[in-house]
Amino acid sequence: MPILDRQRRPVRCLSRRGLLAGLTAGTAVLAAGRTARAACALTARQIEGPFFPTVIEDHDWDLTYVSCSAGRAEGEVIEVTGQVRDARCRPVSGCVVEVWQANVHGRYDHPRDEPRGRPLDPNFQGYGRVTTGDDGAYRFVTIIPGSYPAMDDWIRPPHIHFKARAASHPALTTQMYFAGHRLNGKDLLLAPLSAEHRASLEVAFDTARTDGVRTGTFNLTLR
């Protein structure tokens, strides 16, 4: 996979984003019908959640640094790589892949997340966006997000939101989870899925780069 060149962000010292989204109804499902016989299993869909950003400033592939700050984000740094492909396992080029997530404290940089009182991390970008090349590959460097209570009796496991948009395919919105986490089996969005559907969303970070950063592969298969 080619390594994406890091683009330097313009210097600016403003708040990074204002955020907004609505929690859509329903649970995650895979598309049915003829795609069930495809060579590559489709990635399970998930709701977008309430914290998709609407004002975006920093948006490159490395979420662990922010302009106007010399520090690095709190938490364990990880690398997420993958390929966007169609149901026949062919790479999808020109696909815009977006990610957004909570910081290590389980806090989104979003006004609707303020009442829980968890701290922000001024060195954490929280959002990234890349466009795939001919090989359909993407790459993000980020941190493992913290868990947080969605409701009194529901604690969300660590997860990263993904949205993939390509001109030739319906958009995919989903969430990536960390394989083996103790909260996965209790999550109201992940646990009800079939084993096959859960497997399409859970990633094992069981390999590491030479610098010790753990890596995982999350392929996105579009209809």
C-alpha atoms as a PDB file:
ATOM      1  CA  MET A   1       0.000   0.000   0.000  1.00  0.00           C
ATOM      2  CA  PRO A   2       1.422   3.399  -0.864  1.00  0.00           C
ATOM      3  CA  ILE A   3       2.078   5.673   2.066  1.00  0.00           C
ATOM      4  CA  LEU A   4       0.129   8.911   1.833  1.00  0.00           C
ATOM      5  CA  ASP A   5       2.229  12.049   2.025  1.00  0.00           C
ATOM      6  CA  ARG A   6       1.416  14.145   5.077  1.00  0.00           C
ATOM      7  CA  GLN A   7      -0.001  17.517   4.060  1.00  0.00           C
ATOM      8  CA  ARG A   8       0.984  20.336   6.352  1.00  0.00           C
ATOM      9  CA  ARG A   9      -1.996  22.138   7.812  1.00  0.00           C
ATOM     10  CA  PRO A  10      -2.124  25.916   7.594  1.00  0.00           C
ATOM     11  CA  VAL A  11      -1.335  27.582  10.883  1.00  0.00           C
ATOM     12  CA  ARG A  12      -4.482  28.636  12.686  1.00  0.00           C
ATOM     13  CA  CYS A  13      -5.517  28.774  16.298  1.00  0.00           C
ATOM     14  CA  LEU A  14      -9.279  28.588  16.075  1.00  0.00           C
ATOM     15  CA  SER A  15     -11.574  26.012  17.584  1.00  0.00           C
ATOM     16  CA  ARG A  16     -11.364  23.016  15.327  1.00  0.00           C
ATOM     17  CA  ARG A  17     -14.966  22.221  14.619  1.00  0.00           C
ATOM     18  CA  GLY A  18     -18.615  22.795  15.346  1.00  0.00           C
ATOM     19  CA  LEU A  19     -20.433  19.494  15.157  1.00  0.00           C
ATOM     20  CA  LEU A  20     -23.960  18.293  14.421  1.00  0.00           C
ATOM     21  CA  ALA A  21     -25.779  15.131  13.415  1.00  0.00           C
ATOM     22  CA  GLY A  22     -28.957  13.255  14.137  1.00  0.00           C
ATOM     23  CA  LEU A  23     -29.158   9.722  15.441  1.00  0.00           C
ATOM     24  CA  THR A  24     -30.925   7.781  12.707  1.00  0.00           C
ATOM     25  CA  ALA A  25     -33.318   4.987  13.537  1.00  0.00           C
ATOM     26  CA  GLY A  26     -32.803   1.305  13.069  1.00  0.00           C
ATOM     27  CA  THR A  27     -30.033  -1.213  13.623  1.00  0.00           C
ATOM     28  CA  ALA A  28     -27.133  -2.128  11.365  1.00  0.00           C
ATOM     29  CA  VAL A  29     -27.790  -4.575   8.552  1.00  0.00           C
ATOM     30  CA  LEU A  30     -26.086  -5.853   5.447  1.00  0.00           C
ATOM     31  CA  ALA A  31     -27.692  -5.455   2.067  1.00  0.00           C
ATOM     32  CA  ALA A  32     -29.519  -8.605   1.041  1.00  0.00           C
ATOM     33  CA  GLY A  33     -30.272 -10.299  -2.255  1.00  0.00           C
ATOM     34  CA  ARG A  34     -27.760 -11.045  -4.957  1.00  0.00           C
ATOM     35  CA  THR A  35     -24.904  -9.353  -3.056  1.00  0.00           C
ATOM     36  CA  ALA A  36     -24.998 -12.170  -0.503  1.00  0.00           C
ATOM     37  CA  ARG A  37     -23.343 -14.322  -3.176  1.00  0.00           C
ATOM     38  CA  ALA A  38     -20.590 -11.774  -3.862  1.00  0.00           C
ATOM     39  CA  ALA A  39     -16.932 -12.655  -3.573  1.00  0.00           C
ATOM     40  CA  CYS A  40     -16.391 -10.043  -0.852  1.00  0.00           C
ATOM     41  CA  ALA A  41     -18.882  -9.866   2.009  1.00  0.00           C
ATOM     42  CA  LEU A  42     -20.406  -6.425   2.328  1.00  0.00           C
ATOM     43  CA  THR A  43     -19.438  -4.320   5.322  1.00  0.00           C
ATOM     44  CA  ALA A  44     -22.283  -4.083   7.846  1.00  0.00           C
ATOM     45  CA  ARG A  45     -23.954  -0.705   8.005  1.00  0.00           C
ATOM     46  CA  GLN A  46     -24.287   1.235  11.272  1.00  0.00           C
ATOM     47  CA  ILE A  47     -26.011   4.455  12.292  1.00  0.00           C
ATOM     48  CA  GLU A  48     -24.127   7.712  11.900  1.00  0.00           C
ATOM     49  CA  GLY A  49     -24.652   8.800  15.490  1.00  0.00           C
ATOM     50  CA  PRO A  50     -25.144  12.328  16.836  1.00  0.00           C
ATOM     51  CA  PHE A  51     -21.606  13.707  16.524  1.00  0.00           C
ATOM     52  CA  PHE A  52     -20.766  13.897  12.812  1.00  0.00           C
ATOM     53  CA  PRO A  53     -18.869  17.166  12.261  1.00  0.00           C
ATOM     54  CA  THR A  54     -20.386  19.987  10.243  1.00  0.00           C
ATOM     55  CA  VAL A  55     -17.568  22.542  10.490  1.00  0.00           C
ATOM     56  CA  ILE A  56     -14.255  20.937   9.600  1.00  0.00           C
ATOM     57  CA  GLU A  57     -10.821  22.533   9.801  1.00  0.00           C
ATOM     58  CA  ASP A  58      -8.057  19.975  10.342  1.00  0.00           C
ATOM     59  CA  HIS A  59      -8.920  16.946   8.257  1.00  0.00           C
ATOM     60  CA  ASP A  60      -5.807  15.053   7.136  1.00  0.00           C
ATOM     61  CA  TRP A  61      -5.029  11.393   7.824  1.00  0.00           C
ATOM     62  CA  ASP A  62      -3.142  11.910  11.118  1.00  0.00           C
ATOM     63  CA  LEU A  63      -5.617  12.639  13.905  1.00  0.00           C
ATOM     64  CA  THR A  64      -2.929  12.725  16.613  1.00  0.00           C
ATOM     65  CA  TYR A  65      -1.666  16.240  15.791  1.00  0.00           C
ATOM     66  CA  VAL A  66      -3.433  19.595  15.573  1.00  0.00           C
ATOM     67  CA  SER A  67      -2.242  22.897  14.093  1.00  0.00           C
ATOM     68  CA  CYS A  68      -1.019  25.487  16.608  1.00  0.00           C
ATOM     69  CA  SER A  69      -0.081  22.724  19.043  1.00  0.00           C
ATOM     70  CA  ALA A  70       3.280  21.078  19.588  1.00  0.00           C
ATOM     71  CA  GLY A  71       1.857  18.152  21.576  1.00  0.00           C
ATOM     72  CA  ARG A  72       0.453  14.819  20.531  1.00  0.00           C
ATOM     73  CA  ALA A  73      -2.949  13.416  21.398  1.00  0.00           C
ATOM     74  CA  GLU A  74      -3.383  11.490  24.637  1.00  0.00           C
ATOM     75  CA  GLY A  75      -3.917   7.742  24.411  1.00  0.00           C
ATOM     76  CA  GLU A  76      -2.432   4.790  22.584  1.00  0.00           C
ATOM     77  CA  VAL A  77      -1.531   5.655  18.993  1.00  0.00           C
ATOM     78  CA  ILE A  78      -2.721   3.148  16.382  1.00  0.00           C
ATOM     79  CA  GLU A  79      -2.729   2.903  12.610  1.00  0.00           C
ATOM     80  CA  VAL A  80      -5.838   1.859  10.684  1.00  0.00           C
ATOM     81  CA  THR A  81      -5.366   0.797   7.082  1.00  0.00           C
ATOM     82  CA  GLY A  82      -7.633  -0.843   4.574  1.00  0.00           C
ATOM     83  CA  GLN A  83      -9.019  -0.997   1.080  1.00  0.00           C
ATOM     84  CA  VAL A  84     -12.319   0.221  -0.282  1.00  0.00           C
ATOM     85  CA  ARG A  85     -13.644  -2.359  -2.716  1.00  0.00           C
ATOM     86  CA  ASP A  86     -16.819  -3.491  -4.402  1.00  0.00           C
ATOM     87  CA  ALA A  87     -18.703  -6.757  -3.916  1.00  0.00           C
ATOM     88  CA  ARG A  88     -16.444  -8.435  -6.473  1.00  0.00           C
ATOM     89  CA  CYS A  89     -13.346  -7.397  -4.500  1.00  0.00           C
ATOM     90  CA  ARG A  90     -12.312  -4.802  -7.073  1.00  0.00           C
ATOM     91  CA  PRO A  91     -10.683  -1.646  -5.620  1.00  0.00           C
ATOM     92  CA  VAL A  92     -12.790   1.514  -5.624  1.00  0.00           C
ATOM     93  CA  SER A  93     -10.737   4.560  -6.550  1.00  0.00           C
ATOM     94  CA  GLY A  94     -11.722   8.141  -5.876  1.00  0.00           C
ATOM     95  CA  CYS A  95     -13.671   7.164  -2.765  1.00  0.00           C
ATOM     96  CA  VAL A  96     -13.772   9.750   0.027  1.00  0.00           C
ATOM     97  CA  VAL A  97     -13.255   8.025   3.375  1.00  0.00           C
ATOM     98  CA  GLU A  98     -14.100  10.013   6.514  1.00  0.00           C
ATOM     99  CA  VAL A  99     -13.520   9.034  10.135  1.00  0.00           C
ATOM    100  CA  TRP A 100     -14.565  10.699  13.400  1.00  0.00           C
ATOM    101  CA  GLN A 101     -14.359   9.508  16.982  1.00  0.00           C
ATOM    102  CA  ALA A 102     -14.185  10.303  20.682  1.00  0.00           C
ATOM    103  CA  ASN A 103     -10.877  11.078  22.358  1.00  0.00           C
ATOM    104  CA  VAL A 104      -9.202   8.872  24.967  1.00  0.00           C
ATOM    105  CA  HIS A 105     -11.612  10.176  27.623  1.00  0.00           C
ATOM    106  CA  GLY A 106     -14.661   9.182  25.574  1.00  0.00           C
ATOM    107  CA  ARG A 107     -15.398  12.805  24.629  1.00  0.00           C
ATOM    108  CA  TYR A 108     -16.336  14.165  21.214  1.00  0.00           C
ATOM    109  CA  ASP A 109     -15.427  17.760  20.403  1.00  0.00           C
ATOM    110  CA  HIS A 110     -19.097  18.597  19.993  1.00  0.00           C
ATOM    111  CA  PRO A 111     -21.425  20.915  21.935  1.00  0.00           C
ATOM    112  CA  ARG A 112     -23.975  18.141  22.449  1.00  0.00           C
ATOM    113  CA  ASP A 113     -21.305  16.151  24.291  1.00  0.00           C
ATOM    114  CA  GLU A 114     -20.481  18.902  26.797  1.00  0.00           C
ATOM    115  CA  PRO A 115     -23.031  17.954  29.510  1.00  0.00           C
ATOM    116  CA  ARG A 116     -21.191  14.743  30.373  1.00  0.00           C
ATOM    117  CA  GLY A 117     -18.254  16.873  31.522  1.00  0.00           C
ATOM    118  CA  ARG A 118     -15.466  14.709  30.170  1.00  0.00           C
ATOM    119  CA  PRO A 119     -12.327  16.625  29.181  1.00  0.00           C
ATOM    120  CA  LEU A 120     -11.383  17.645  25.674  1.00  0.00           C
ATOM    121  CA  ASP A 121      -7.924  16.908  24.307  1.00  0.00           C
ATOM    122  CA  PRO A 122      -6.588  20.029  22.543  1.00  0.00           C
ATOM    123  CA  ASN A 123      -4.033  17.908  20.686  1.00  0.00           C
ATOM    124  CA  PHE A 124      -6.573  15.498  19.215  1.00  0.00           C
ATOM    125  CA  GLN A 125      -7.990  16.229  15.759  1.00  0.00           C
ATOM    126  CA  GLY A 126     -10.975  13.898  16.098  1.00  0.00           C
ATOM    127  CA  TYR A 127     -11.763  13.821  12.358  1.00  0.00           C
ATOM    128  CA  GLY A 128      -9.912  12.751   9.222  1.00  0.00           C
ATOM    129  CA  ARG A 129     -10.587  12.517   5.500  1.00  0.00           C
ATOM    130  CA  VAL A 130      -8.690  10.910   2.622  1.00  0.00           C
ATOM    131  CA  THR A 131      -9.443   9.932  -0.977  1.00  0.00           C
ATOM    132  CA  THR A 132      -8.475   6.517  -2.285  1.00  0.00           C
ATOM    133  CA  GLY A 133      -6.181   6.075  -5.280  1.00  0.00           C
ATOM    134  CA  ASP A 134      -6.306   3.426  -7.990  1.00  0.00           C
ATOM    135  CA  ASP A 135      -5.627   0.676  -5.439  1.00  0.00           C
ATOM    136  CA  GLY A 136      -8.552   1.709  -3.228  1.00  0.00           C
ATOM    137  CA  ALA A 137      -6.257   2.006  -0.223  1.00  0.00           C
ATOM    138  CA  TYR A 138      -6.637   4.349   2.745  1.00  0.00           C
ATOM    139  CA  ARG A 139      -4.685   4.989   5.927  1.00  0.00           C
ATOM    140  CA  PHE A 140      -5.320   6.845   9.205  1.00  0.00           C
ATOM    141  CA  VAL A 141      -3.184   7.343  12.297  1.00  0.00           C
ATOM    142  CA  THR A 142      -5.271   7.940  15.411  1.00  0.00           C
ATOM    143  CA  ILE A 143      -5.733   6.757  19.011  1.00  0.00           C
ATOM    144  CA  ILE A 144      -7.927   4.148  20.671  1.00  0.00           C
ATOM    145  CA  PRO A 145     -11.006   6.105  21.778  1.00  0.00           C
ATOM    146  CA  GLY A 146     -12.454   5.821  25.234  1.00  0.00           C
ATOM    147  CA  SER A 147     -15.784   4.218  26.047  1.00  0.00           C
ATOM    148  CA  TYR A 148     -18.678   6.380  27.237  1.00  0.00           C
ATOM    149  CA  PRO A 149     -22.274   6.044  28.486  1.00  0.00           C
ATOM    150  CA  ALA A 150     -24.864   6.404  25.742  1.00  0.00           C
ATOM    151  CA  MET A 151     -27.647   5.875  28.273  1.00  0.00           C
ATOM    152  CA  ASP A 152     -27.720   4.985  31.959  1.00  0.00           C
ATOM    153  CA  ASP A 153     -27.562   1.261  31.291  1.00  0.00           C
ATOM    154  CA  TRP A 154     -25.645   1.340  27.991  1.00  0.00           C
ATOM    155  CA  ILE A 155     -21.924   2.006  27.774  1.00  0.00           C
ATOM    156  CA  ARG A 156     -20.592   2.188  24.239  1.00  0.00           C
ATOM    157  CA  PRO A 157     -17.382   0.261  23.563  1.00  0.00           C
ATOM    158  CA  PRO A 158     -14.481   2.034  21.847  1.00  0.00           C
ATOM    159  CA  HIS A 159     -15.354   2.580  18.198  1.00  0.00           C
ATOM    160  CA  ILE A 160     -14.462   4.727  15.197  1.00  0.00           C
ATOM    161  CA  HIS A 161     -17.115   6.071  12.831  1.00  0.00           C
ATOM    162  CA  PHE A 162     -16.531   5.626   9.093  1.00  0.00           C
ATOM    163  CA  LYS A 163     -18.256   7.061   6.053  1.00  0.00           C
ATOM    164  CA  ALA A 164     -17.246   6.079   2.507  1.00  0.00           C
ATOM    165  CA  ARG A 165     -18.599   7.949  -0.516  1.00  0.00           C
ATOM    166  CA  ALA A 166     -17.872   7.018  -4.123  1.00  0.00           C
ATOM    167  CA  ALA A 167     -19.574   8.276  -7.270  1.00  0.00           C
ATOM    168  CA  SER A 168     -20.277   4.775  -8.554  1.00  0.00           C
ATOM    169  CA  HIS A 169     -21.623   3.234  -5.320  1.00  0.00           C
ATOM    170  CA  PRO A 170     -24.157   4.011  -2.580  1.00  0.00           C
ATOM    171  CA  ALA A 171     -22.524   5.660   0.421  1.00  0.00           C
ATOM    172  CA  LEU A 172     -21.592   3.440   3.368  1.00  0.00           C
ATOM    173  CA  THR A 173     -21.812   4.609   6.985  1.00  0.00           C
ATOM    174  CA  THR A 174     -20.519   2.212   9.608  1.00  0.00           C
ATOM    175  CA  GLN A 175     -18.490   1.862  12.807  1.00  0.00           C
ATOM    176  CA  MET A 176     -15.254  -0.012  13.479  1.00  0.00           C
ATOM    177  CA  TYR A 177     -14.852  -1.839  16.789  1.00  0.00           C
ATOM    178  CA  PHE A 178     -11.845  -3.311  18.590  1.00  0.00           C
ATOM    179  CA  ALA A 179     -11.897  -7.108  18.600  1.00  0.00           C
ATOM    180  CA  GLY A 180     -12.026  -8.685  22.041  1.00  0.00           C
ATOM    181  CA  HIS A 181     -13.147  -5.615  23.971  1.00  0.00           C
ATOM    182  CA  ARG A 182     -15.265  -6.579  26.988  1.00  0.00           C
ATOM    183  CA  LEU A 183     -18.080  -4.150  26.077  1.00  0.00           C
ATOM    184  CA  ASN A 184     -18.603  -5.411  22.527  1.00  0.00           C
ATOM    185  CA  GLY A 185     -20.924  -8.209  23.593  1.00  0.00           C
ATOM    186  CA  LYS A 186     -23.233  -5.794  25.432  1.00  0.00           C
ATOM    187  CA  ASP A 187     -23.401  -3.027  22.843  1.00  0.00           C
ATOM    188  CA  LEU A 188     -26.911  -2.386  21.549  1.00  0.00           C
ATOM    189  CA  LEU A 189     -25.648  -1.690  18.018  1.00  0.00           C
ATOM    190  CA  LEU A 190     -23.043  -4.424  17.676  1.00  0.00           C
ATOM    191  CA  ALA A 191     -24.236  -7.341  19.823  1.00  0.00           C
ATOM    192  CA  PRO A 192     -27.556  -7.978  17.960  1.00  0.00           C
ATOM    193  CA  LEU A 193     -25.753  -8.590  14.661  1.00  0.00           C
ATOM    194  CA  SER A 194     -24.967 -12.038  13.333  1.00  0.00           C
ATOM    195  CA  ALA A 195     -21.475 -13.392  13.880  1.00  0.00           C
ATOM    196  CA  GLU A 196     -20.676 -12.722  10.220  1.00  0.00           C
ATOM    197  CA  HIS A 197     -21.858  -9.139  10.416  1.00  0.00           C
ATOM    198  CA  ARG A 198     -19.955  -8.503  13.666  1.00  0.00           C
ATOM    199  CA  ALA A 199     -16.817  -9.937  12.088  1.00  0.00           C
ATOM    200  CA  SER A 200     -17.033  -7.324   9.335  1.00  0.00           C
ATOM    201  CA  LEU A 201     -16.811  -4.557  11.960  1.00  0.00           C
ATOM    202  CA  GLU A 202     -14.382  -5.902  14.579  1.00  0.00           C
ATOM    203  CA  VAL A 203     -10.663  -5.388  13.972  1.00  0.00           C
ATOM    204  CA  ALA A 204      -7.780  -7.069  15.790  1.00  0.00           C
ATOM    205  CA  PHE A 205      -4.779  -4.816  16.328  1.00  0.00           C
ATOM    206  CA  ASP A 206      -2.383  -7.722  16.740  1.00  0.00           C
ATOM    207  CA  THR A 207       0.515  -6.527  14.585  1.00  0.00           C
ATOM    208  CA  ALA A 208       2.849  -3.588  15.118  1.00  0.00           C
ATOM    209  CA  ARG A 209       5.113  -1.313  13.123  1.00  0.00           C
ATOM    210  CA  THR A 210       8.825  -1.115  13.845  1.00  0.00           C
ATOM    211  CA  ASP A 211       8.144   1.851  16.152  1.00  0.00           C
ATOM    212  CA  GLY A 212       5.709  -0.215  18.232  1.00  0.00           C
ATOM    213  CA  VAL A 213       2.483   1.379  16.955  1.00  0.00           C
ATOM    214  CA  ARG A 214      -0.179  -1.319  16.665  1.00  0.00           C
ATOM    215  CA  THR A 215      -1.903  -1.660  13.307  1.00  0.00           C
ATOM    216  CA  GLY A 216      -5.216  -3.085  12.133  1.00  0.00           C
ATOM    217  CA  THR A 217      -6.907  -3.632   8.787  1.00  0.00           C
ATOM    218  CA  PHE A 218     -10.496  -2.528   8.190  1.00  0.00           C
ATOM    219  CA  ASN A 219     -11.602  -3.171   4.623  1.00  0.00           C
ATOM    220  CA  LEU A 220     -14.774  -1.447   3.423  1.00  0.00           C
ATOM    221  CA  THR A 221     -16.881  -3.345   0.890  1.00  0.00           C
ATOM    222  CA  LEU A 222     -19.517  -1.277  -0.908  1.00  0.00           C
ATOM    223  CA  ARG A 223     -22.643  -2.377  -2.680  1.00  0.00           C
END
